[in-house]
Amino acid sequence: MKYVNLYKKHHMQRYKDKNDNKVENSISEIITPSGTYSKEKWIKLVYESMKEQNEGYIFEMLIEYVKKECAWINTDDDAINLALELYSNRVFENSKWIGFNEFNMKLKNCNKIGQLSFL
């Protein structure tokens, strides 16, 4: 496949850096039912949606869940990225999700505590 076609299909760049090393970069895109977004734009939209729906606490709980349950997660950035994916897919509402029962028990307890604190 020619480089031009490769670039168009996968948004790849090839060049040599100042030390004459070959470098390949690609542009990450997120494809959703509402359209295709750059990763940065998608993250911004997810955070805006989270803020509008006052669900920041769910996102924080997903980060903690990911850190605890996902052995392949090594960094905070990895945990945040996976939690963003889980949140955007509303996985915590899907009863087929393996963590559904455990996560929703904690979520219900969190909501009860939050409701009691306003009394």
N, C-alpha and C. Protein backbone atom coordinates (compact mmCIF):
# COMPACT_ATOMS: atom_id res chain seq x y z
N MET A 1 0.85 -1.17 0.00
CA MET A 1 0.00 0.00 0.00
C MET A 1 0.90 1.24 0.00
N LYS A 2 0.59 2.17 -0.87
CA LYS A 2 1.38 3.39 -0.95
C LYS A 2 1.16 4.25 0.30
N TYR A 3 2.17 5.04 0.61
CA TYR A 3 2.12 5.87 1.81
C TYR A 3 0.93 6.81 1.79
N VAL A 4 0.62 7.41 0.65
CA VAL A 4 -0.49 8.35 0.58
C VAL A 4 -1.80 7.65 0.94
N ASN A 5 -2.01 6.45 0.42
CA ASN A 5 -3.22 5.70 0.75
C ASN A 5 -3.23 5.29 2.22
N LEU A 6 -2.07 4.91 2.73
CA LEU A 6 -1.95 4.53 4.14
C LEU A 6 -2.30 5.71 5.03
N TYR A 7 -1.82 6.91 4.68
CA TYR A 7 -2.11 8.10 5.46
C TYR A 7 -3.61 8.40 5.45
N LYS A 8 -4.23 8.32 4.27
CA LYS A 8 -5.65 8.62 4.18
C LYS A 8 -6.48 7.63 4.99
N LYS A 9 -6.09 6.35 4.95
CA LYS A 9 -6.87 5.32 5.63
C LYS A 9 -6.67 5.33 7.14
N HIS A 10 -5.44 5.47 7.60
CA HIS A 10 -5.13 5.35 9.02
C HIS A 10 -4.60 6.64 9.65
N HIS A 11 -4.59 7.74 8.90
CA HIS A 11 -4.09 9.02 9.41
C HIS A 11 -2.67 8.87 9.97
N MET A 12 -1.80 8.25 9.20
CA MET A 12 -0.43 8.03 9.66
C MET A 12 0.52 9.07 9.07
N GLN A 13 1.57 9.35 9.81
CA GLN A 13 2.64 10.22 9.36
C GLN A 13 3.95 9.48 9.49
N ARG A 14 4.79 9.64 8.49
CA ARG A 14 6.14 9.09 8.57
C ARG A 14 7.12 10.22 8.27
N TYR A 15 8.16 10.28 9.08
CA TYR A 15 9.20 11.28 8.84
C TYR A 15 10.46 10.87 9.58
N LYS A 16 11.52 11.62 9.34
CA LYS A 16 12.77 11.39 10.06
C LYS A 16 13.00 12.57 10.99
N ASP A 17 13.40 12.26 12.22
CA ASP A 17 13.66 13.32 13.18
C ASP A 17 15.04 13.92 12.93
N LYS A 18 15.46 14.84 13.80
CA LYS A 18 16.73 15.54 13.59
C LYS A 18 17.93 14.61 13.68
N ASN A 19 17.79 13.45 14.33
CA ASN A 19 18.89 12.48 14.41
C ASN A 19 18.80 11.43 13.31
N ASP A 20 17.96 11.67 12.31
CA ASP A 20 17.78 10.79 11.17
C ASP A 20 17.15 9.44 11.55
N ASN A 21 16.39 9.41 12.64
CA ASN A 21 15.65 8.21 13.02
C ASN A 21 14.27 8.25 12.37
N LYS A 22 13.82 7.09 11.90
CA LYS A 22 12.48 7.02 11.31
C LYS A 22 11.43 7.07 12.41
N VAL A 23 10.40 7.89 12.19
CA VAL A 23 9.33 8.06 13.16
C VAL A 23 7.99 7.87 12.45
N GLU A 24 7.07 7.14 13.09
CA GLU A 24 5.71 6.99 12.59
C GLU A 24 4.75 7.46 13.66
N ASN A 25 3.81 8.29 13.29
CA ASN A 25 2.77 8.77 14.20
C ASN A 25 1.42 8.48 13.58
N SER A 26 0.43 8.31 14.43
CA SER A 26 -0.94 8.17 13.93
C SER A 26 -1.85 9.06 14.77
N ILE A 27 -2.97 9.42 14.17
CA ILE A 27 -3.94 10.27 14.84
C ILE A 27 -5.03 9.36 15.40
N SER A 28 -5.31 9.48 16.69
CA SER A 28 -6.36 8.66 17.31
C SER A 28 -7.71 9.31 17.11
N GLU A 29 -8.67 8.50 16.68
CA GLU A 29 -10.04 8.98 16.52
C GLU A 29 -10.97 8.03 17.25
N ILE A 30 -12.03 8.58 17.78
CA ILE A 30 -13.05 7.80 18.46
C ILE A 30 -14.30 7.85 17.59
N ILE A 31 -14.81 6.66 17.25
CA ILE A 31 -16.01 6.58 16.42
C ILE A 31 -17.19 6.25 17.33
N THR A 32 -18.19 7.12 17.31
CA THR A 32 -19.38 6.95 18.15
C THR A 32 -20.62 6.99 17.26
N PRO A 33 -21.77 6.63 17.79
CA PRO A 33 -23.00 6.75 17.00
C PRO A 33 -23.28 8.19 16.56
N SER A 34 -22.79 9.17 17.30
CA SER A 34 -23.05 10.57 16.95
C SER A 34 -21.99 11.15 16.01
N GLY A 35 -20.94 10.40 15.70
CA GLY A 35 -19.92 10.88 14.77
C GLY A 35 -18.53 10.44 15.15
N THR A 36 -17.56 10.92 14.39
CA THR A 36 -16.15 10.61 14.61
C THR A 36 -15.47 11.84 15.20
N TYR A 37 -14.73 11.64 16.29
CA TYR A 37 -14.09 12.74 17.00
C TYR A 37 -12.62 12.43 17.24
N SER A 38 -11.81 13.48 17.32
CA SER A 38 -10.44 13.28 17.78
C SER A 38 -10.53 12.87 19.25
N LYS A 39 -9.51 12.19 19.73
CA LYS A 39 -9.55 11.70 21.11
C LYS A 39 -9.72 12.86 22.10
N GLU A 40 -9.03 13.97 21.87
CA GLU A 40 -9.11 15.11 22.77
C GLU A 40 -10.53 15.69 22.80
N LYS A 41 -11.15 15.82 21.63
CA LYS A 41 -12.51 16.35 21.53
C LYS A 41 -13.50 15.42 22.23
N TRP A 42 -13.32 14.10 22.02
CA TRP A 42 -14.21 13.11 22.64
C TRP A 42 -14.12 13.19 24.16
N ILE A 43 -12.90 13.28 24.70
CA ILE A 43 -12.71 13.38 26.15
C ILE A 43 -13.40 14.63 26.68
N LYS A 44 -13.25 15.74 25.97
CA LYS A 44 -13.89 16.99 26.38
C LYS A 44 -15.41 16.83 26.41
N LEU A 45 -15.97 16.18 25.39
CA LEU A 45 -17.42 15.98 25.33
C LEU A 45 -17.92 15.07 26.46
N VAL A 46 -17.15 14.03 26.78
CA VAL A 46 -17.54 13.13 27.87
C VAL A 46 -17.53 13.89 29.20
N TYR A 47 -16.50 14.69 29.44
CA TYR A 47 -16.44 15.47 30.69
C TYR A 47 -17.60 16.48 30.77
N GLU A 48 -17.93 17.11 29.63
CA GLU A 48 -19.05 18.06 29.62
C GLU A 48 -20.36 17.36 29.94
N SER A 49 -20.57 16.19 29.35
CA SER A 49 -21.78 15.41 29.61
C SER A 49 -21.85 15.01 31.08
N MET A 50 -20.71 14.60 31.61
CA MET A 50 -20.63 14.19 33.02
C MET A 50 -21.02 15.36 33.92
N LYS A 51 -20.53 16.54 33.59
CA LYS A 51 -20.80 17.73 34.39
C LYS A 51 -22.28 18.11 34.31
N GLU A 52 -22.85 18.05 33.10
CA GLU A 52 -24.27 18.39 32.91
C GLU A 52 -25.18 17.47 33.71
N GLN A 53 -24.82 16.20 33.79
CA GLN A 53 -25.66 15.21 34.46
C GLN A 53 -25.28 15.01 35.93
N ASN A 54 -24.33 15.80 36.41
CA ASN A 54 -23.86 15.69 37.81
C ASN A 54 -23.47 14.26 38.16
N GLU A 55 -22.67 13.62 37.29
CA GLU A 55 -22.27 12.24 37.50
C GLU A 55 -20.77 12.09 37.70
N GLY A 56 -20.13 13.13 38.17
CA GLY A 56 -18.70 13.06 38.43
C GLY A 56 -18.35 11.99 39.45
N TYR A 57 -19.23 11.80 40.42
CA TYR A 57 -18.99 10.78 41.45
C TYR A 57 -18.99 9.38 40.84
N ILE A 58 -19.80 9.14 39.81
CA ILE A 58 -19.81 7.83 39.14
C ILE A 58 -18.47 7.61 38.46
N PHE A 59 -17.97 8.65 37.80
CA PHE A 59 -16.67 8.55 37.12
C PHE A 59 -15.56 8.26 38.13
N GLU A 60 -15.57 8.95 39.27
CA GLU A 60 -14.56 8.70 40.30
C GLU A 60 -14.65 7.27 40.83
N MET A 61 -15.87 6.77 40.99
CA MET A 61 -16.04 5.39 41.44
C MET A 61 -15.56 4.40 40.39
N LEU A 62 -15.76 4.72 39.11
CA LEU A 62 -15.26 3.86 38.03
C LEU A 62 -13.74 3.82 38.03
N ILE A 63 -13.10 4.96 38.27
CA ILE A 63 -11.63 4.98 38.34
C ILE A 63 -11.16 4.06 39.46
N GLU A 64 -11.77 4.17 40.63
CA GLU A 64 -11.39 3.30 41.76
C GLU A 64 -11.65 1.83 41.44
N TYR A 65 -12.76 1.55 40.79
CA TYR A 65 -13.08 0.17 40.42
C TYR A 65 -12.02 -0.39 39.47
N VAL A 66 -11.66 0.41 38.46
CA VAL A 66 -10.67 -0.01 37.47
C VAL A 66 -9.33 -0.28 38.14
N LYS A 67 -8.90 0.61 39.03
CA LYS A 67 -7.62 0.43 39.72
C LYS A 67 -7.62 -0.85 40.55
N LYS A 68 -8.76 -1.17 41.16
CA LYS A 68 -8.84 -2.33 42.04
C LYS A 68 -9.00 -3.64 41.25
N GLU A 69 -9.82 -3.65 40.22
CA GLU A 69 -10.23 -4.90 39.57
C GLU A 69 -9.47 -5.23 38.28
N CYS A 70 -8.85 -4.27 37.64
CA CYS A 70 -8.22 -4.51 36.34
C CYS A 70 -6.70 -4.60 36.52
N ALA A 71 -6.20 -5.83 36.51
CA ALA A 71 -4.78 -6.08 36.80
C ALA A 71 -3.84 -5.47 35.77
N TRP A 72 -4.31 -5.27 34.55
CA TRP A 72 -3.45 -4.75 33.49
C TRP A 72 -3.30 -3.24 33.54
N ILE A 73 -4.02 -2.57 34.42
CA ILE A 73 -3.92 -1.12 34.56
C ILE A 73 -2.75 -0.80 35.48
N ASN A 74 -1.75 -0.07 34.94
CA ASN A 74 -0.54 0.22 35.71
C ASN A 74 -0.39 1.68 36.10
N THR A 75 -1.04 2.57 35.37
CA THR A 75 -0.88 4.00 35.65
C THR A 75 -2.24 4.65 35.88
N ASP A 76 -2.20 5.83 36.48
CA ASP A 76 -3.44 6.58 36.68
C ASP A 76 -4.06 6.99 35.35
N ASP A 77 -3.21 7.33 34.36
CA ASP A 77 -3.73 7.70 33.04
C ASP A 77 -4.48 6.55 32.39
N ASP A 78 -3.93 5.33 32.51
CA ASP A 78 -4.62 4.16 31.97
C ASP A 78 -5.96 3.95 32.66
N ALA A 79 -5.98 4.14 33.97
CA ALA A 79 -7.22 3.98 34.74
C ALA A 79 -8.26 5.01 34.31
N ILE A 80 -7.83 6.24 34.13
CA ILE A 80 -8.75 7.31 33.70
C ILE A 80 -9.29 7.02 32.31
N ASN A 81 -8.42 6.59 31.39
CA ASN A 81 -8.87 6.29 30.03
C ASN A 81 -9.89 5.16 30.00
N LEU A 82 -9.64 4.10 30.75
CA LEU A 82 -10.59 2.99 30.79
C LEU A 82 -11.89 3.42 31.47
N ALA A 83 -11.79 4.20 32.53
CA ALA A 83 -12.99 4.68 33.21
C ALA A 83 -13.82 5.58 32.28
N LEU A 84 -13.16 6.39 31.45
CA LEU A 84 -13.87 7.21 30.47
C LEU A 84 -14.64 6.34 29.49
N GLU A 85 -13.99 5.27 29.01
CA GLU A 85 -14.67 4.35 28.09
C GLU A 85 -15.87 3.69 28.76
N LEU A 86 -15.67 3.22 29.99
CA LEU A 86 -16.76 2.57 30.71
C LEU A 86 -17.90 3.55 30.96
N TYR A 87 -17.56 4.77 31.36
CA TYR A 87 -18.59 5.77 31.62
C TYR A 87 -19.35 6.13 30.34
N SER A 88 -18.62 6.35 29.25
CA SER A 88 -19.28 6.77 28.00
C SER A 88 -20.18 5.68 27.44
N ASN A 89 -19.85 4.43 27.72
CA ASN A 89 -20.69 3.31 27.29
C ASN A 89 -21.79 2.98 28.30
N ARG A 90 -21.83 3.73 29.40
CA ARG A 90 -22.83 3.53 30.46
C ARG A 90 -22.85 2.08 30.92
N VAL A 91 -21.66 1.48 31.03
CA VAL A 91 -21.55 0.07 31.37
C VAL A 91 -22.14 -0.24 32.74
N PHE A 92 -22.13 0.72 33.63
CA PHE A 92 -22.66 0.52 34.98
C PHE A 92 -24.18 0.35 34.98
N GLU A 93 -24.84 0.61 33.84
CA GLU A 93 -26.28 0.40 33.72
C GLU A 93 -26.61 -0.94 33.05
N ASN A 94 -25.59 -1.65 32.58
CA ASN A 94 -25.77 -2.90 31.86
C ASN A 94 -25.64 -4.08 32.81
N SER A 95 -26.72 -4.80 33.03
CA SER A 95 -26.71 -5.91 33.99
C SER A 95 -25.83 -7.07 33.54
N LYS A 96 -25.39 -7.08 32.27
CA LYS A 96 -24.51 -8.14 31.78
C LYS A 96 -23.04 -7.85 32.08
N TRP A 97 -22.73 -6.65 32.52
CA TRP A 97 -21.36 -6.28 32.88
C TRP A 97 -20.94 -7.08 34.10
N ILE A 98 -19.75 -7.62 34.06
CA ILE A 98 -19.28 -8.50 35.14
C ILE A 98 -19.20 -7.77 36.49
N GLY A 99 -18.96 -6.48 36.48
CA GLY A 99 -18.87 -5.73 37.73
C GLY A 99 -20.16 -5.06 38.15
N PHE A 100 -21.25 -5.38 37.46
CA PHE A 100 -22.53 -4.68 37.68
C PHE A 100 -22.98 -4.72 39.14
N ASN A 101 -23.08 -5.90 39.72
CA ASN A 101 -23.61 -6.03 41.08
C ASN A 101 -22.74 -5.31 42.10
N GLU A 102 -21.45 -5.57 42.06
CA GLU A 102 -20.53 -4.95 43.02
C GLU A 102 -20.53 -3.44 42.89
N PHE A 103 -20.43 -2.95 41.66
CA PHE A 103 -20.36 -1.51 41.44
C PHE A 103 -21.65 -0.82 41.86
N ASN A 104 -22.78 -1.39 41.49
CA ASN A 104 -24.06 -0.75 41.80
C ASN A 104 -24.40 -0.80 43.29
N MET A 105 -23.91 -1.81 44.01
CA MET A 105 -24.09 -1.81 45.47
C MET A 105 -23.36 -0.61 46.07
N LYS A 106 -22.12 -0.38 45.61
CA LYS A 106 -21.36 0.77 46.11
C LYS A 106 -22.03 2.08 45.68
N LEU A 107 -22.55 2.09 44.46
CA LEU A 107 -23.21 3.29 43.94
C LEU A 107 -24.46 3.61 44.75
N LYS A 108 -25.25 2.62 45.09
CA LYS A 108 -26.45 2.84 45.90
C LYS A 108 -26.08 3.33 47.30
N ASN A 109 -25.03 2.76 47.89
CA ASN A 109 -24.58 3.21 49.20
C ASN A 109 -24.10 4.65 49.14
N CYS A 110 -23.42 5.01 48.07
CA CYS A 110 -22.93 6.38 47.88
C CYS A 110 -24.12 7.34 47.78
N ASN A 111 -25.14 6.95 47.03
CA ASN A 111 -26.33 7.80 46.88
C ASN A 111 -27.06 7.97 48.20
N LYS A 112 -27.17 6.90 49.00
CA LYS A 112 -27.85 6.99 50.29
C LYS A 112 -27.11 7.94 51.22
N ILE A 113 -25.80 7.83 51.25
CA ILE A 113 -24.99 8.72 52.09
C ILE A 113 -25.16 10.16 51.64
N GLY A 114 -25.14 10.38 50.32
CA GLY A 114 -25.32 11.72 49.79
C GLY A 114 -26.68 12.30 50.11
N GLN A 115 -27.72 11.48 50.06
CA GLN A 115 -29.06 11.95 50.36
C GLN A 115 -29.21 12.25 51.85
N LEU A 116 -28.62 11.44 52.70
CA LEU A 116 -28.72 11.66 54.14
C LEU A 116 -28.00 12.92 54.57
N SER A 117 -26.93 13.27 53.88
CA SER A 117 -26.15 14.42 54.29
C SER A 117 -26.88 15.74 54.06
N PHE A 118 -27.93 15.73 53.24
CA PHE A 118 -28.68 16.96 52.98
C PHE A 118 -29.78 17.21 54.01
N LEU A 119 -30.02 16.26 54.91
CA LEU A 119 -31.10 16.41 55.89
C LEU A 119 -30.75 17.37 56.99
